[in-house]
């Protein structure tokens, strides 16, 4: 479901465009993107904000936990741009980008709740960002630092 939302919104809004990232750092990016944003963001937004055994509390509480985690995850992006990375403001305040971010947050949240492993959302997040940056014209904020 996430892929359908991301692809349709991404191409429809012009956030995705086919093309290979041509940079001397391209071979390092999958490793860098694994650490940040994938691992560090998932460790907090899922690992800290969603109790590991949330499903033991019932589906309703799990849905609330995933929902709260997703809202915080989505809000983090504009706050991050406004506070730390002004060059990311046009992207991180783009409503279509935030729709994709929300879909990713829900997907990673449920992946974590169901698997009880932080590695499931980390891999989902990492694959998403890596494909976007390397193959779909995504902004690589690391190359801009």
N, C-alpha and C. Protein backbone atom coordinates (compact mmCIF):
# COMPACT_ATOMS: atom_id res chain seq x y z
N UNK A 1 0.82 -1.18 0.00
CA UNK A 1 0.00 0.00 0.00
C UNK A 1 0.87 1.25 0.00
N UNK A 2 1.94 1.22 0.81
CA UNK A 2 2.84 2.38 0.85
C UNK A 2 3.41 2.67 -0.54
N UNK A 3 3.86 1.65 -1.23
CA UNK A 3 4.46 1.85 -2.56
C UNK A 3 3.47 2.49 -3.52
N UNK A 4 2.22 2.06 -3.48
CA UNK A 4 1.20 2.63 -4.36
C UNK A 4 1.00 4.11 -4.06
N UNK A 5 0.89 4.44 -2.78
CA UNK A 5 0.71 5.84 -2.38
C UNK A 5 1.94 6.66 -2.78
N UNK A 6 3.12 6.17 -2.42
CA UNK A 6 4.34 6.92 -2.68
C UNK A 6 4.57 7.15 -4.17
N UNK A 7 4.39 6.12 -4.97
CA UNK A 7 4.62 6.24 -6.41
C UNK A 7 3.60 7.17 -7.05
N UNK A 8 2.33 6.99 -6.72
CA UNK A 8 1.31 7.84 -7.35
C UNK A 8 1.45 9.30 -6.91
N UNK A 9 1.65 9.54 -5.64
CA UNK A 9 1.82 10.92 -5.15
C UNK A 9 3.15 11.49 -5.64
N UNK A 10 4.21 10.70 -5.54
CA UNK A 10 5.54 11.18 -5.92
C UNK A 10 5.64 11.61 -7.37
N UNK A 11 5.15 10.76 -8.28
CA UNK A 11 5.20 11.13 -9.69
C UNK A 11 4.16 12.20 -10.01
N UNK A 12 2.99 12.10 -9.41
CA UNK A 12 1.94 13.08 -9.65
C UNK A 12 2.33 14.49 -9.22
N UNK A 13 3.06 14.59 -8.12
CA UNK A 13 3.45 15.90 -7.59
C UNK A 13 4.80 16.37 -8.12
N UNK A 14 5.44 15.54 -8.92
CA UNK A 14 6.75 15.92 -9.45
C UNK A 14 7.90 15.72 -8.49
N UNK A 15 7.64 15.02 -7.39
CA UNK A 15 8.72 14.75 -6.44
C UNK A 15 9.63 13.62 -6.92
N UNK A 16 9.12 12.75 -7.77
CA UNK A 16 9.89 11.63 -8.32
C UNK A 16 10.11 11.88 -9.80
N UNK A 17 11.35 11.69 -10.22
CA UNK A 17 11.71 11.75 -11.63
C UNK A 17 12.80 10.73 -11.86
N UNK A 18 12.61 9.88 -12.86
CA UNK A 18 13.61 8.86 -13.13
C UNK A 18 14.97 9.49 -13.44
N UNK A 19 16.01 8.93 -12.88
CA UNK A 19 17.35 9.39 -13.15
C UNK A 19 18.31 8.87 -12.10
N UNK A 20 19.54 8.61 -12.51
CA UNK A 20 20.59 8.11 -11.64
C UNK A 20 21.33 9.28 -11.02
N UNK A 21 21.58 9.24 -9.72
CA UNK A 21 22.34 10.29 -9.05
C UNK A 21 23.80 10.17 -9.47
N UNK A 22 24.32 11.22 -10.04
CA UNK A 22 25.71 11.24 -10.50
C UNK A 22 26.54 12.10 -9.56
N UNK A 23 27.19 11.45 -8.62
CA UNK A 23 28.02 12.13 -7.64
C UNK A 23 29.16 11.21 -7.25
N UNK A 24 30.31 11.78 -6.93
CA UNK A 24 31.41 10.93 -6.46
C UNK A 24 31.06 10.18 -5.16
N UNK A 25 30.09 10.70 -4.41
CA UNK A 25 29.70 10.06 -3.15
C UNK A 25 28.60 9.01 -3.32
N UNK A 26 28.12 8.83 -4.53
CA UNK A 26 27.01 7.89 -4.75
C UNK A 26 27.29 6.51 -4.16
N UNK A 27 28.48 5.93 -4.31
CA UNK A 27 28.71 4.60 -3.72
C UNK A 27 28.60 4.57 -2.19
N UNK A 28 28.84 5.70 -1.53
CA UNK A 28 28.77 5.75 -0.07
C UNK A 28 27.37 6.01 0.45
N UNK A 29 26.52 6.56 -0.39
CA UNK A 29 25.20 6.99 0.08
C UNK A 29 24.36 5.89 0.71
N UNK A 30 24.31 4.68 0.14
CA UNK A 30 23.50 3.66 0.82
C UNK A 30 23.92 3.44 2.28
N UNK A 31 25.20 3.50 2.56
CA UNK A 31 25.67 3.33 3.94
C UNK A 31 25.31 4.53 4.79
N UNK A 32 25.52 5.73 4.25
CA UNK A 32 25.18 6.94 4.99
C UNK A 32 23.67 7.03 5.26
N UNK A 33 22.87 6.70 4.25
CA UNK A 33 21.41 6.75 4.40
C UNK A 33 20.89 5.68 5.35
N UNK A 34 21.67 4.63 5.53
CA UNK A 34 21.27 3.61 6.50
C UNK A 34 21.35 4.18 7.92
N UNK A 35 22.41 4.93 8.20
CA UNK A 35 22.58 5.51 9.53
C UNK A 35 21.59 6.65 9.75
N UNK A 36 21.63 7.64 8.83
CA UNK A 36 20.69 8.75 8.92
C UNK A 36 20.14 9.02 7.54
N UNK A 37 18.88 8.93 7.38
CA UNK A 37 17.84 9.01 8.39
C UNK A 37 17.36 7.66 8.92
N UNK A 38 17.60 6.58 8.21
CA UNK A 38 16.90 5.32 8.48
C UNK A 38 17.04 4.83 9.92
N UNK A 39 18.24 4.49 10.35
CA UNK A 39 18.41 3.90 11.67
C UNK A 39 18.07 4.89 12.79
N UNK A 40 18.64 6.08 12.72
CA UNK A 40 18.44 7.04 13.83
C UNK A 40 16.99 7.48 13.96
N UNK A 41 16.34 7.76 12.84
CA UNK A 41 14.93 8.17 12.92
C UNK A 41 14.05 7.02 13.40
N UNK A 42 14.26 5.83 12.88
CA UNK A 42 13.43 4.70 13.30
C UNK A 42 13.67 4.32 14.75
N UNK A 43 14.91 4.44 15.20
CA UNK A 43 15.19 4.13 16.61
C UNK A 43 14.36 5.02 17.53
N UNK A 44 14.18 6.28 17.13
CA UNK A 44 13.38 7.18 17.97
C UNK A 44 11.89 7.05 17.67
N UNK A 45 11.49 7.27 16.43
CA UNK A 45 10.07 7.37 16.10
C UNK A 45 9.32 6.05 16.28
N UNK A 46 9.98 4.95 16.10
CA UNK A 46 9.33 3.66 16.35
C UNK A 46 9.85 3.05 17.64
N UNK A 47 11.17 2.92 17.77
CA UNK A 47 11.75 2.24 18.92
C UNK A 47 11.46 2.88 20.26
N UNK A 48 11.41 4.21 20.30
CA UNK A 48 11.13 4.91 21.56
C UNK A 48 9.64 5.19 21.73
N UNK A 49 8.99 5.64 20.66
CA UNK A 49 7.60 6.09 20.78
C UNK A 49 6.56 4.98 20.75
N UNK A 50 6.93 3.82 20.25
CA UNK A 50 5.98 2.69 20.22
C UNK A 50 6.53 1.58 21.12
N UNK A 51 5.81 1.22 22.17
CA UNK A 51 6.28 0.11 23.00
C UNK A 51 6.44 -1.17 22.17
N UNK A 52 7.51 -1.88 22.45
CA UNK A 52 7.85 -3.06 21.65
C UNK A 52 6.71 -4.09 21.61
N UNK A 53 6.02 -4.28 22.69
CA UNK A 53 4.94 -5.27 22.76
C UNK A 53 3.56 -4.60 22.71
N UNK A 54 3.42 -3.57 21.94
CA UNK A 54 2.18 -2.79 21.91
C UNK A 54 0.98 -3.64 21.51
N UNK A 55 1.16 -4.62 20.67
CA UNK A 55 0.02 -5.44 20.25
C UNK A 55 -0.56 -6.25 21.41
N UNK A 56 0.23 -6.49 22.44
CA UNK A 56 -0.29 -7.17 23.62
C UNK A 56 -1.35 -6.32 24.34
N UNK A 57 -1.33 -5.02 24.08
CA UNK A 57 -2.31 -4.10 24.68
C UNK A 57 -3.58 -3.97 23.85
N UNK A 58 -3.60 -4.61 22.70
CA UNK A 58 -4.78 -4.56 21.84
C UNK A 58 -4.55 -3.74 20.58
N UNK A 59 -5.39 -3.99 19.61
CA UNK A 59 -5.26 -3.35 18.30
C UNK A 59 -5.51 -1.84 18.39
N UNK A 60 -6.46 -1.44 19.22
CA UNK A 60 -6.79 -0.01 19.33
C UNK A 60 -5.59 0.77 19.89
N UNK A 61 -4.99 0.26 20.95
CA UNK A 61 -3.82 0.94 21.53
C UNK A 61 -2.65 0.93 20.55
N UNK A 62 -2.50 -0.15 19.81
CA UNK A 62 -1.44 -0.22 18.81
C UNK A 62 -1.67 0.82 17.72
N UNK A 63 -2.91 0.95 17.28
CA UNK A 63 -3.23 1.94 16.25
C UNK A 63 -2.95 3.36 16.76
N UNK A 64 -3.30 3.62 18.00
CA UNK A 64 -3.01 4.94 18.60
C UNK A 64 -1.51 5.19 18.66
N UNK A 65 -0.76 4.20 19.10
CA UNK A 65 0.69 4.36 19.20
C UNK A 65 1.31 4.62 17.83
N UNK A 66 0.88 3.86 16.83
CA UNK A 66 1.38 4.07 15.47
C UNK A 66 0.97 5.46 14.97
N UNK A 67 -0.26 5.85 15.26
CA UNK A 67 -0.74 7.17 14.85
C UNK A 67 0.05 8.31 15.47
N UNK A 68 0.30 8.22 16.77
CA UNK A 68 1.06 9.27 17.45
C UNK A 68 2.50 9.31 16.93
N UNK A 69 3.09 8.14 16.77
CA UNK A 69 4.44 8.06 16.23
C UNK A 69 4.50 8.68 14.83
N UNK A 70 3.50 8.42 14.03
CA UNK A 70 3.46 8.95 12.67
C UNK A 70 3.31 10.47 12.67
N UNK A 71 2.44 10.99 13.51
CA UNK A 71 2.25 12.45 13.59
C UNK A 71 3.56 13.12 13.99
N UNK A 72 4.23 12.58 14.99
CA UNK A 72 5.50 13.16 15.44
C UNK A 72 6.54 13.07 14.32
N UNK A 73 6.57 11.95 13.61
CA UNK A 73 7.49 11.73 12.49
C UNK A 73 7.24 12.76 11.38
N UNK A 74 5.98 13.00 11.05
CA UNK A 74 5.65 13.96 10.00
C UNK A 74 6.01 15.37 10.45
N UNK A 75 5.67 15.74 11.66
CA UNK A 75 5.95 17.08 12.17
C UNK A 75 7.46 17.33 12.28
N UNK A 76 8.22 16.29 12.56
CA UNK A 76 9.67 16.41 12.67
C UNK A 76 10.29 16.98 11.40
N UNK A 77 9.79 16.58 10.24
CA UNK A 77 10.42 17.00 8.99
C UNK A 77 10.38 18.52 8.79
N UNK A 78 9.22 19.18 8.88
CA UNK A 78 9.25 20.65 8.76
C UNK A 78 10.05 21.32 9.89
N UNK A 79 9.93 20.80 11.11
CA UNK A 79 10.70 21.39 12.21
C UNK A 79 12.20 21.26 11.97
N UNK A 80 12.62 20.13 11.46
CA UNK A 80 14.02 19.89 11.13
C UNK A 80 14.49 20.92 10.11
N UNK A 81 13.69 21.11 9.06
CA UNK A 81 14.07 22.08 8.02
C UNK A 81 14.12 23.50 8.59
N UNK A 82 13.11 23.87 9.33
CA UNK A 82 13.05 25.24 9.86
C UNK A 82 14.15 25.52 10.87
N UNK A 83 14.49 24.53 11.68
CA UNK A 83 15.46 24.74 12.76
C UNK A 83 16.91 24.48 12.34
N UNK A 84 17.12 23.49 11.47
CA UNK A 84 18.49 23.05 11.21
C UNK A 84 18.92 23.11 9.75
N UNK A 85 17.99 22.99 8.83
CA UNK A 85 18.37 22.87 7.42
C UNK A 85 17.45 23.69 6.54
N UNK A 86 17.67 25.00 6.47
CA UNK A 86 16.76 25.85 5.71
C UNK A 86 16.69 25.51 4.22
N UNK A 87 17.73 24.88 3.67
CA UNK A 87 17.67 24.52 2.26
C UNK A 87 16.63 23.43 2.01
N UNK A 88 16.22 22.72 3.05
CA UNK A 88 15.22 21.67 2.91
C UNK A 88 13.79 22.18 3.07
N UNK A 89 13.61 23.47 3.38
CA UNK A 89 12.28 24.01 3.62
C UNK A 89 11.32 23.76 2.46
N UNK A 90 11.69 24.04 1.20
CA UNK A 90 10.72 23.81 0.12
C UNK A 90 10.25 22.35 0.04
N UNK A 91 11.14 21.41 0.29
CA UNK A 91 10.77 19.99 0.24
C UNK A 91 10.01 19.58 1.50
N UNK A 92 10.55 19.87 2.67
CA UNK A 92 9.98 19.37 3.91
C UNK A 92 8.68 20.07 4.31
N UNK A 93 8.35 21.17 3.66
CA UNK A 93 7.06 21.81 3.89
C UNK A 93 6.09 21.55 2.73
N UNK A 94 6.53 20.79 1.75
CA UNK A 94 5.68 20.43 0.62
C UNK A 94 4.60 19.45 1.11
N UNK A 95 3.32 19.78 0.96
CA UNK A 95 2.26 18.89 1.47
C UNK A 95 2.30 17.50 0.85
N UNK A 96 2.70 17.38 -0.40
CA UNK A 96 2.77 16.05 -1.04
C UNK A 96 3.91 15.22 -0.47
N UNK A 97 5.03 15.87 -0.17
CA UNK A 97 6.12 15.17 0.50
C UNK A 97 5.66 14.67 1.87
N UNK A 98 4.89 15.51 2.57
CA UNK A 98 4.40 15.12 3.89
C UNK A 98 3.37 14.00 3.82
N UNK A 99 2.61 13.90 2.73
CA UNK A 99 1.70 12.77 2.53
C UNK A 99 2.52 11.48 2.42
N UNK A 100 3.59 11.52 1.63
CA UNK A 100 4.45 10.34 1.49
C UNK A 100 5.11 10.01 2.83
N UNK A 101 5.55 11.04 3.54
CA UNK A 101 6.16 10.85 4.85
C UNK A 101 5.18 10.20 5.82
N UNK A 102 3.93 10.63 5.77
CA UNK A 102 2.89 10.04 6.62
C UNK A 102 2.68 8.57 6.27
N UNK A 103 2.60 8.27 4.99
CA UNK A 103 2.42 6.87 4.57
C UNK A 103 3.61 6.02 5.01
N UNK A 104 4.82 6.58 4.92
CA UNK A 104 6.01 5.85 5.38
C UNK A 104 5.95 5.65 6.89
N UNK A 105 5.52 6.67 7.62
CA UNK A 105 5.41 6.54 9.07
C UNK A 105 4.44 5.46 9.50
N UNK A 106 3.28 5.40 8.85
CA UNK A 106 2.29 4.36 9.16
C UNK A 106 2.86 2.99 8.83
N UNK A 107 3.49 2.87 7.67
CA UNK A 107 4.06 1.58 7.24
C UNK A 107 5.14 1.12 8.21
N UNK A 108 6.04 2.01 8.56
CA UNK A 108 7.12 1.64 9.49
C UNK A 108 6.57 1.35 10.89
N UNK A 109 5.57 2.12 11.31
CA UNK A 109 4.96 1.89 12.62
C UNK A 109 4.31 0.52 12.72
N UNK A 110 3.53 0.18 11.71
CA UNK A 110 2.89 -1.13 11.74
C UNK A 110 3.91 -2.25 11.55
N UNK A 111 4.92 -2.00 10.74
CA UNK A 111 5.99 -2.99 10.59
C UNK A 111 6.66 -3.28 11.92
N UNK A 112 6.89 -2.23 12.68
CA UNK A 112 7.51 -2.40 14.00
C UNK A 112 6.56 -3.10 14.97
N UNK A 113 5.31 -2.67 15.00
CA UNK A 113 4.34 -3.27 15.93
C UNK A 113 4.16 -4.76 15.65
N UNK A 114 4.06 -5.10 14.38
CA UNK A 114 3.84 -6.51 14.03
C UNK A 114 5.07 -7.38 14.24
N UNK A 115 6.24 -6.85 13.90
CA UNK A 115 7.46 -7.66 13.99
C UNK A 115 8.13 -7.59 15.35
N UNK A 116 7.88 -6.51 16.08
CA UNK A 116 8.55 -6.24 17.36
C UNK A 116 10.07 -6.12 17.19
N UNK A 117 10.46 -5.77 15.98
CA UNK A 117 11.88 -5.60 15.67
C UNK A 117 12.10 -4.25 15.01
N UNK A 118 13.06 -3.51 15.48
CA UNK A 118 13.37 -2.20 14.91
C UNK A 118 13.93 -2.34 13.50
N UNK A 119 14.45 -3.51 13.17
CA UNK A 119 15.08 -3.69 11.86
C UNK A 119 14.08 -3.68 10.71
N UNK A 120 12.86 -4.06 10.95
CA UNK A 120 11.85 -4.01 9.88
C UNK A 120 11.61 -2.58 9.43
N UNK A 121 11.28 -1.64 10.33
CA UNK A 121 11.11 -0.27 9.85
C UNK A 121 12.41 0.38 9.35
N UNK A 122 13.53 0.01 9.92
CA UNK A 122 14.80 0.56 9.45
C UNK A 122 15.01 0.18 7.98
N UNK A 123 14.79 -1.08 7.65
CA UNK A 123 14.99 -1.54 6.27
C UNK A 123 13.97 -0.88 5.34
N UNK A 124 12.71 -0.80 5.75
CA UNK A 124 11.68 -0.14 4.93
C UNK A 124 12.08 1.31 4.66
N UNK A 125 12.48 2.02 5.69
CA UNK A 125 12.87 3.42 5.57
C UNK A 125 14.10 3.55 4.67
N UNK A 126 15.08 2.70 4.90
CA UNK A 126 16.33 2.75 4.14
C UNK A 126 16.11 2.48 2.66
N UNK A 127 15.35 1.45 2.34
CA UNK A 127 15.07 1.15 0.93
C UNK A 127 14.34 2.32 0.28
N UNK A 128 13.36 2.87 0.98
CA UNK A 128 12.58 3.98 0.44
C UNK A 128 13.47 5.18 0.12
N UNK A 129 14.27 5.61 1.08
CA UNK A 129 15.10 6.79 0.89
C UNK A 129 16.20 6.53 -0.14
N UNK A 130 16.79 5.35 -0.10
CA UNK A 130 17.87 5.02 -1.03
C UNK A 130 17.37 4.98 -2.47
N UNK A 131 16.23 4.35 -2.71
CA UNK A 131 15.67 4.31 -4.06
C UNK A 131 15.32 5.72 -4.51
N UNK A 132 14.71 6.50 -3.63
CA UNK A 132 14.33 7.87 -3.98
C UNK A 132 15.56 8.71 -4.36
N UNK A 133 16.60 8.66 -3.52
CA UNK A 133 17.78 9.48 -3.76
C UNK A 133 18.57 9.00 -4.97
N UNK A 134 18.78 7.70 -5.11
CA UNK A 134 19.64 7.19 -6.17
C UNK A 134 18.95 7.09 -7.53
N UNK A 135 17.65 6.80 -7.54
CA UNK A 135 16.99 6.50 -8.82
C UNK A 135 15.82 7.40 -9.18
N UNK A 136 15.29 8.16 -8.23
CA UNK A 136 14.08 8.94 -8.50
C UNK A 136 14.25 10.44 -8.27
N UNK A 137 15.48 10.91 -8.33
CA UNK A 137 15.73 12.34 -8.25
C UNK A 137 15.51 12.96 -6.89
N UNK A 138 15.53 12.16 -5.84
CA UNK A 138 15.31 12.68 -4.50
C UNK A 138 16.43 13.60 -4.05
N UNK A 139 16.07 14.54 -3.22
CA UNK A 139 17.07 15.44 -2.67
C UNK A 139 17.92 14.73 -1.67
N UNK A 140 19.20 14.77 -1.86
CA UNK A 140 20.09 14.18 -0.89
C UNK A 140 20.68 15.28 -0.03
N UNK A 141 20.13 15.41 1.15
CA UNK A 141 20.56 16.49 2.04
C UNK A 141 22.00 16.29 2.50
N UNK A 142 22.49 15.06 2.50
CA UNK A 142 23.87 14.81 2.92
C UNK A 142 24.86 15.43 1.94
N UNK A 143 24.54 15.41 0.66
CA UNK A 143 25.44 15.98 -0.32
C UNK A 143 25.45 17.50 -0.25
N UNK A 144 24.47 18.07 0.45
CA UNK A 144 24.37 19.52 0.55
C UNK A 144 25.08 20.07 1.79
N UNK A 145 25.49 19.19 2.69
CA UNK A 145 26.14 19.66 3.92
C UNK A 145 27.53 20.21 3.65
